[in-house]
Each structure stands twice: as C-alpha cells, then as structure tokens.
Amino acid sequence: QIVESGGGLVQPGGSLRLSCAASGFTLPWTTIAWFRRAPGKGREGVSYIVRADQSTGYVDSVKGRFAISTDNAKDTVFLQMDSLKLEDTAVYYCAAAVDYTLGFREFEYSHWGQGTQVTVSS
C-alpha cells in the first residue's frame, strides 16, 4: 500500500515536505513518482525517482524548487517542495511501479495512494 502525508496550507514562497510510505508489495518498487491534479485540470507528473540508481526526473515547472529523495531503507520517498507558488496548489498523489520505468506514463504505475492536499495561498 501507499500512504502519503505532509500536505497542508502554506503561503507563497514557503516549503512543505511530502512523504510517501510504500510497503506490502509483492515485488519491490522500481520507480516512485509524484503526480498532482490541480483544480479543474488533468493529472500531471511532477517528479520520479528510480530505486536502482536514485536517478530522478522533474517536470519543468518544478525544477530547481522541488527535490525527490528516499530514506536509506527505501521504504519512504520524500518530495521537498520549496519556493511554493499559487499554481502548485493541487492534490498530490504518490504512485509506485514494480516494472522498470522512467517518466510519467500513468499506466506503468500499478500502486497509487489516496492523495494529499497542498494549498498555496496568501
């Protein structure tokens, strides 16, 4: 299962750290990604991390502001979000793939969390 936490209300320019606890998979996860759905918009990929080599990827709109990482046990994936903007307001979802994948093709992610709300507002 996947459990996200860390969402909340923050002012523009502020920071939040999201956590994604991944456990109980039949196979170990290979890639974990964060997606988000802003009000009135479709879901988009935000960032991903590959278990094997810790390589990462980001959507252009968050490069330089967000950072994805894992803990040593690789049971938890973090998304550090700095310099938050109004347009970062969204429900953030964590998703895990058990087959090797790169990027944000949603059908390749077999395990999804329920989402956590991030609201950036003054």
N, C-alpha and C. Protein backbone atom coordinates (compact mmCIF):
# COMPACT_ATOMS: atom_id res chain seq x y z
N GLN A 1 0.83 -1.19 0.00
CA GLN A 1 0.00 0.00 0.00
C GLN A 1 0.87 1.25 0.00
N ILE A 2 0.24 2.34 -0.35
CA ILE A 2 0.95 3.62 -0.38
C ILE A 2 0.19 4.60 0.48
N VAL A 3 0.89 5.29 1.35
CA VAL A 3 0.29 6.29 2.22
C VAL A 3 1.08 7.58 2.09
N GLU A 4 0.38 8.64 1.66
CA GLU A 4 1.02 9.95 1.55
C GLU A 4 0.72 10.77 2.80
N SER A 5 1.62 11.67 3.11
CA SER A 5 1.39 12.60 4.21
C SER A 5 2.22 13.85 3.96
N GLY A 6 1.92 14.89 4.74
CA GLY A 6 2.72 16.10 4.68
C GLY A 6 2.08 17.27 3.97
N GLY A 7 0.91 17.07 3.41
CA GLY A 7 0.24 18.19 2.75
C GLY A 7 -0.26 19.21 3.75
N GLY A 8 -0.71 20.34 3.25
CA GLY A 8 -1.24 21.37 4.12
C GLY A 8 -1.36 22.70 3.41
N LEU A 9 -1.55 23.73 4.22
CA LEU A 9 -1.69 25.10 3.72
C LEU A 9 -0.39 25.85 3.97
N VAL A 10 0.09 26.53 2.95
CA VAL A 10 1.35 27.26 3.08
C VAL A 10 1.25 28.54 2.25
N GLN A 11 1.96 29.56 2.67
CA GLN A 11 1.98 30.82 1.93
C GLN A 11 2.93 30.72 0.74
N PRO A 12 2.71 31.54 -0.28
CA PRO A 12 3.65 31.57 -1.41
C PRO A 12 5.07 31.81 -0.92
N GLY A 13 6.00 31.07 -1.49
CA GLY A 13 7.38 31.16 -1.06
C GLY A 13 7.74 30.21 0.05
N GLY A 14 6.76 29.56 0.62
CA GLY A 14 7.00 28.63 1.72
C GLY A 14 7.41 27.26 1.24
N SER A 15 7.54 26.34 2.21
CA SER A 15 8.01 24.98 1.92
C SER A 15 7.11 23.94 2.57
N LEU A 16 7.07 22.80 1.97
CA LEU A 16 6.42 21.62 2.53
C LEU A 16 7.24 20.40 2.13
N ARG A 17 7.15 19.35 2.95
CA ARG A 17 7.78 18.09 2.57
C ARG A 17 6.73 17.00 2.60
N LEU A 18 6.49 16.40 1.46
CA LEU A 18 5.56 15.29 1.36
C LEU A 18 6.31 13.98 1.57
N SER A 19 5.62 13.02 2.18
CA SER A 19 6.19 11.69 2.38
C SER A 19 5.29 10.65 1.74
N CYS A 20 5.91 9.62 1.21
CA CYS A 20 5.19 8.52 0.59
C CYS A 20 5.75 7.23 1.18
N ALA A 21 4.95 6.56 1.99
CA ALA A 21 5.36 5.30 2.58
C ALA A 21 4.83 4.16 1.72
N ALA A 22 5.75 3.38 1.18
CA ALA A 22 5.38 2.29 0.27
C ALA A 22 5.74 0.96 0.92
N SER A 23 4.74 0.08 1.03
CA SER A 23 5.01 -1.19 1.70
C SER A 23 4.03 -2.26 1.24
N GLY A 24 4.39 -3.50 1.49
CA GLY A 24 3.47 -4.61 1.25
C GLY A 24 3.36 -5.05 -0.19
N PHE A 25 4.27 -4.59 -1.06
CA PHE A 25 4.21 -5.00 -2.46
C PHE A 25 4.72 -6.43 -2.61
N THR A 26 4.18 -7.14 -3.57
CA THR A 26 4.68 -8.48 -3.87
C THR A 26 6.11 -8.40 -4.40
N LEU A 27 6.36 -7.40 -5.23
CA LEU A 27 7.69 -7.13 -5.76
C LEU A 27 8.14 -5.77 -5.27
N PRO A 28 9.43 -5.55 -5.08
CA PRO A 28 9.88 -4.23 -4.66
C PRO A 28 9.61 -3.19 -5.73
N TRP A 29 9.34 -1.99 -5.32
CA TRP A 29 9.09 -0.95 -6.30
C TRP A 29 10.37 -0.62 -7.05
N THR A 30 10.22 -0.22 -8.30
CA THR A 30 11.36 0.15 -9.13
C THR A 30 11.43 1.66 -9.32
N THR A 31 10.29 2.28 -9.47
CA THR A 31 10.22 3.73 -9.63
C THR A 31 9.03 4.24 -8.84
N ILE A 32 9.23 5.32 -8.15
CA ILE A 32 8.12 6.01 -7.48
C ILE A 32 8.04 7.42 -8.04
N ALA A 33 6.82 7.83 -8.29
CA ALA A 33 6.59 9.17 -8.86
C ALA A 33 5.54 9.91 -8.05
N TRP A 34 5.66 11.20 -8.09
CA TRP A 34 4.62 12.08 -7.57
C TRP A 34 3.89 12.69 -8.77
N PHE A 35 2.57 12.63 -8.69
CA PHE A 35 1.70 13.29 -9.65
C PHE A 35 0.88 14.32 -8.88
N ARG A 36 0.25 15.22 -9.61
CA ARG A 36 -0.66 16.16 -8.96
C ARG A 36 -1.81 16.49 -9.90
N ARG A 37 -2.91 16.84 -9.27
CA ARG A 37 -4.08 17.29 -10.01
C ARG A 37 -4.53 18.62 -9.43
N ALA A 38 -4.37 19.66 -10.21
CA ALA A 38 -4.82 20.99 -9.77
C ALA A 38 -6.31 21.14 -10.06
N PRO A 39 -6.98 22.04 -9.37
CA PRO A 39 -8.42 22.24 -9.59
C PRO A 39 -8.72 22.52 -11.06
N GLY A 40 -9.63 21.74 -11.62
CA GLY A 40 -10.04 21.96 -12.99
C GLY A 40 -9.08 21.49 -14.05
N LYS A 41 -8.02 20.78 -13.66
CA LYS A 41 -7.02 20.34 -14.61
C LYS A 41 -6.82 18.83 -14.53
N GLY A 42 -6.15 18.30 -15.51
CA GLY A 42 -5.84 16.89 -15.51
C GLY A 42 -4.65 16.59 -14.62
N ARG A 43 -4.41 15.33 -14.36
CA ARG A 43 -3.29 14.94 -13.50
C ARG A 43 -2.00 15.01 -14.30
N GLU A 44 -0.95 15.54 -13.67
CA GLU A 44 0.35 15.64 -14.34
C GLU A 44 1.44 15.06 -13.45
N GLY A 45 2.46 14.54 -14.09
CA GLY A 45 3.62 14.05 -13.37
C GLY A 45 4.46 15.20 -12.86
N VAL A 46 4.98 15.06 -11.66
CA VAL A 46 5.78 16.11 -11.04
C VAL A 46 7.24 15.69 -10.91
N SER A 47 7.46 14.50 -10.36
CA SER A 47 8.83 14.05 -10.14
C SER A 47 8.84 12.55 -9.98
N TYR A 48 9.96 11.91 -10.32
CA TYR A 48 10.09 10.48 -10.09
C TYR A 48 11.51 10.17 -9.62
N ILE A 49 11.65 9.00 -8.99
CA ILE A 49 12.96 8.52 -8.56
C ILE A 49 13.05 7.03 -8.84
N VAL A 50 14.19 6.60 -9.33
CA VAL A 50 14.44 5.20 -9.65
C VAL A 50 15.20 4.56 -8.51
N ARG A 51 14.68 3.43 -8.04
CA ARG A 51 15.27 2.76 -6.87
C ARG A 51 16.71 2.34 -7.12
N ALA A 52 16.99 1.79 -8.31
CA ALA A 52 18.29 1.15 -8.56
C ALA A 52 19.45 2.12 -8.49
N ASP A 53 19.28 3.30 -9.08
CA ASP A 53 20.42 4.21 -9.15
C ASP A 53 20.10 5.60 -8.61
N GLN A 54 18.91 5.75 -8.04
CA GLN A 54 18.50 7.03 -7.47
C GLN A 54 18.43 8.16 -8.50
N SER A 55 18.34 7.80 -9.77
CA SER A 55 18.16 8.85 -10.77
C SER A 55 16.78 9.47 -10.61
N THR A 56 16.68 10.72 -10.99
CA THR A 56 15.45 11.46 -10.76
C THR A 56 15.03 12.23 -12.01
N GLY A 57 13.77 12.63 -12.03
CA GLY A 57 13.27 13.48 -13.10
C GLY A 57 12.23 14.43 -12.56
N TYR A 58 12.11 15.56 -13.22
CA TYR A 58 11.16 16.59 -12.78
C TYR A 58 10.47 17.22 -13.97
N VAL A 59 9.24 17.61 -13.76
CA VAL A 59 8.55 18.43 -14.75
C VAL A 59 9.20 19.81 -14.72
N ASP A 60 9.23 20.48 -15.87
CA ASP A 60 9.96 21.75 -15.96
C ASP A 60 9.50 22.77 -14.93
N SER A 61 8.21 22.79 -14.64
CA SER A 61 7.67 23.84 -13.77
C SER A 61 8.16 23.75 -12.32
N VAL A 62 8.75 22.63 -11.92
CA VAL A 62 9.21 22.49 -10.53
C VAL A 62 10.72 22.35 -10.42
N LYS A 63 11.42 22.32 -11.53
CA LYS A 63 12.87 22.16 -11.50
C LYS A 63 13.51 23.30 -10.73
N GLY A 64 14.43 22.94 -9.85
CA GLY A 64 15.09 23.94 -9.02
C GLY A 64 14.34 24.29 -7.75
N ARG A 65 13.10 23.84 -7.64
CA ARG A 65 12.29 24.14 -6.43
C ARG A 65 11.94 22.88 -5.66
N PHE A 66 11.73 21.78 -6.34
CA PHE A 66 11.35 20.52 -5.69
C PHE A 66 12.53 19.55 -5.75
N ALA A 67 12.60 18.68 -4.74
CA ALA A 67 13.63 17.65 -4.72
C ALA A 67 13.04 16.35 -4.19
N ILE A 68 13.27 15.26 -4.91
CA ILE A 68 12.76 13.95 -4.51
C ILE A 68 13.92 13.13 -3.96
N SER A 69 13.64 12.32 -2.96
CA SER A 69 14.68 11.50 -2.34
C SER A 69 14.03 10.31 -1.64
N THR A 70 14.86 9.36 -1.22
CA THR A 70 14.37 8.23 -0.43
C THR A 70 15.16 8.12 0.86
N ASP A 71 14.60 7.39 1.82
CA ASP A 71 15.36 7.09 3.02
C ASP A 71 16.28 5.90 2.74
N ASN A 72 17.14 5.57 3.69
CA ASN A 72 18.13 4.51 3.45
C ASN A 72 17.46 3.17 3.17
N ALA A 73 16.38 2.90 3.84
CA ALA A 73 15.70 1.62 3.65
C ALA A 73 14.87 1.60 2.37
N LYS A 74 14.70 2.76 1.76
CA LYS A 74 13.91 2.91 0.53
C LYS A 74 12.46 2.50 0.74
N ASP A 75 11.99 2.68 1.97
CA ASP A 75 10.58 2.43 2.25
C ASP A 75 9.76 3.70 2.12
N THR A 76 10.43 4.83 2.18
CA THR A 76 9.75 6.11 2.14
C THR A 76 10.41 7.01 1.12
N VAL A 77 9.58 7.68 0.33
CA VAL A 77 10.05 8.65 -0.66
C VAL A 77 9.55 10.02 -0.24
N PHE A 78 10.42 10.98 -0.31
CA PHE A 78 10.10 12.34 0.10
C PHE A 78 10.07 13.26 -1.11
N LEU A 79 9.22 14.28 -1.03
CA LEU A 79 9.22 15.35 -2.02
C LEU A 79 9.34 16.66 -1.25
N GLN A 80 10.52 17.23 -1.29
CA GLN A 80 10.75 18.52 -0.66
C GLN A 80 10.34 19.60 -1.64
N MET A 81 9.41 20.44 -1.22
CA MET A 81 8.88 21.48 -2.10
C MET A 81 9.21 22.84 -1.49
N ASP A 82 10.05 23.58 -2.16
CA ASP A 82 10.45 24.91 -1.71
C ASP A 82 9.95 25.97 -2.70
N SER A 83 9.98 27.20 -2.25
CA SER A 83 9.55 28.33 -3.10
C SER A 83 8.20 28.04 -3.76
N LEU A 84 7.27 27.60 -2.95
CA LEU A 84 5.98 27.20 -3.49
C LEU A 84 5.24 28.39 -4.10
N LYS A 85 4.51 28.10 -5.16
CA LYS A 85 3.75 29.10 -5.88
C LYS A 85 2.26 28.77 -5.82
N LEU A 86 1.44 29.77 -6.11
CA LEU A 86 0.00 29.54 -6.11
C LEU A 86 -0.37 28.38 -7.03
N GLU A 87 0.32 28.29 -8.14
CA GLU A 87 -0.02 27.25 -9.12
C GLU A 87 0.43 25.86 -8.72
N ASP A 88 1.09 25.73 -7.59
CA ASP A 88 1.42 24.41 -7.07
C ASP A 88 0.26 23.80 -6.28
N THR A 89 -0.78 24.57 -6.07
CA THR A 89 -1.95 24.07 -5.36
C THR A 89 -2.55 22.90 -6.11
N ALA A 90 -2.69 21.77 -5.44
CA ALA A 90 -3.18 20.56 -6.10
C ALA A 90 -3.29 19.44 -5.06
N VAL A 91 -3.95 18.37 -5.47
CA VAL A 91 -3.85 17.12 -4.72
C VAL A 91 -2.65 16.36 -5.28
N TYR A 92 -1.76 15.98 -4.40
CA TYR A 92 -0.54 15.29 -4.80
C TYR A 92 -0.69 13.79 -4.52
N TYR A 93 -0.38 13.00 -5.53
CA TYR A 93 -0.50 11.56 -5.44
C TYR A 93 0.87 10.91 -5.59
N CYS A 94 1.10 9.90 -4.80
CA CYS A 94 2.29 9.08 -4.92
C CYS A 94 1.91 7.79 -5.64
N ALA A 95 2.76 7.36 -6.55
CA ALA A 95 2.49 6.14 -7.30
C ALA A 95 3.77 5.33 -7.43
N ALA A 96 3.63 4.02 -7.40
CA ALA A 96 4.78 3.13 -7.48
C ALA A 96 4.64 2.17 -8.65
N ALA A 97 5.76 1.93 -9.31
CA ALA A 97 5.82 0.93 -10.37
C ALA A 97 6.68 -0.24 -9.89
N VAL A 98 6.33 -1.44 -10.29
CA VAL A 98 7.13 -2.62 -9.94
C VAL A 98 7.87 -3.17 -11.15
N ASP A 99 7.61 -2.62 -12.32
CA ASP A 99 8.42 -2.87 -13.51
C ASP A 99 9.21 -1.62 -13.79
N TYR A 100 10.40 -1.81 -14.38
CA TYR A 100 11.26 -0.65 -14.61
C TYR A 100 10.58 0.36 -15.52
N THR A 101 10.59 1.60 -15.11
CA THR A 101 10.02 2.64 -15.93
C THR A 101 10.68 3.96 -15.60
N LEU A 102 10.68 4.84 -16.56
CA LEU A 102 11.09 6.21 -16.35
C LEU A 102 9.98 7.11 -16.83
N GLY A 103 9.79 8.20 -16.16
CA GLY A 103 8.82 9.15 -16.65
C GLY A 103 7.47 9.05 -15.98
N PHE A 104 6.46 9.56 -16.66
CA PHE A 104 5.16 9.79 -16.05
C PHE A 104 4.01 9.15 -16.83
N ARG A 105 4.26 7.98 -17.41
CA ARG A 105 3.16 7.27 -18.06
C ARG A 105 2.35 6.58 -16.97
N GLU A 106 1.17 7.08 -16.73
CA GLU A 106 0.39 6.64 -15.57
C GLU A 106 0.10 5.14 -15.61
N PHE A 107 -0.11 4.57 -16.77
CA PHE A 107 -0.47 3.15 -16.83
C PHE A 107 0.66 2.26 -16.35
N GLU A 108 1.87 2.77 -16.25
CA GLU A 108 3.00 1.97 -15.79
C GLU A 108 3.11 1.94 -14.27
N TYR A 109 2.30 2.72 -13.60
CA TYR A 109 2.33 2.76 -12.14
C TYR A 109 1.14 1.96 -11.62
N SER A 110 1.42 0.86 -10.93
CA SER A 110 0.37 -0.07 -10.53
C SER A 110 -0.19 0.19 -9.14
N HIS A 111 0.51 0.98 -8.35
CA HIS A 111 0.07 1.25 -6.98
C HIS A 111 -0.04 2.75 -6.77
N TRP A 112 -1.18 3.17 -6.26
CA TRP A 112 -1.45 4.59 -6.08
C TRP A 112 -1.94 4.87 -4.67
N GLY A 113 -1.54 6.02 -4.15
CA GLY A 113 -2.06 6.47 -2.88
C GLY A 113 -3.35 7.26 -3.06
N GLN A 114 -3.92 7.68 -1.94
CA GLN A 114 -5.20 8.40 -1.96
C GLN A 114 -5.02 9.89 -2.24
N GLY A 115 -3.81 10.38 -2.08
CA GLY A 115 -3.55 11.79 -2.34
C GLY A 115 -3.51 12.62 -1.08
N THR A 116 -2.76 13.71 -1.15
CA THR A 116 -2.70 14.66 -0.05
C THR A 116 -2.81 16.06 -0.62
N GLN A 117 -3.60 16.90 0.03
CA GLN A 117 -3.89 18.24 -0.48
C GLN A 117 -2.76 19.21 -0.12
N VAL A 118 -2.29 19.93 -1.12
CA VAL A 118 -1.35 21.02 -0.92
C VAL A 118 -2.03 22.30 -1.40
N THR A 119 -2.15 23.27 -0.52
CA THR A 119 -2.77 24.54 -0.86
C THR A 119 -1.78 25.66 -0.60
N VAL A 120 -1.49 26.43 -1.65
CA VAL A 120 -0.60 27.57 -1.53
C VAL A 120 -1.46 28.81 -1.67
N SER A 121 -1.52 29.58 -0.59
CA SER A 121 -2.41 30.73 -0.58
C SER A 121 -1.91 31.77 0.41
N SER A 122 -2.12 33.04 0.06
CA SER A 122 -1.76 34.11 0.98
C SER A 122 -2.94 34.50 1.86
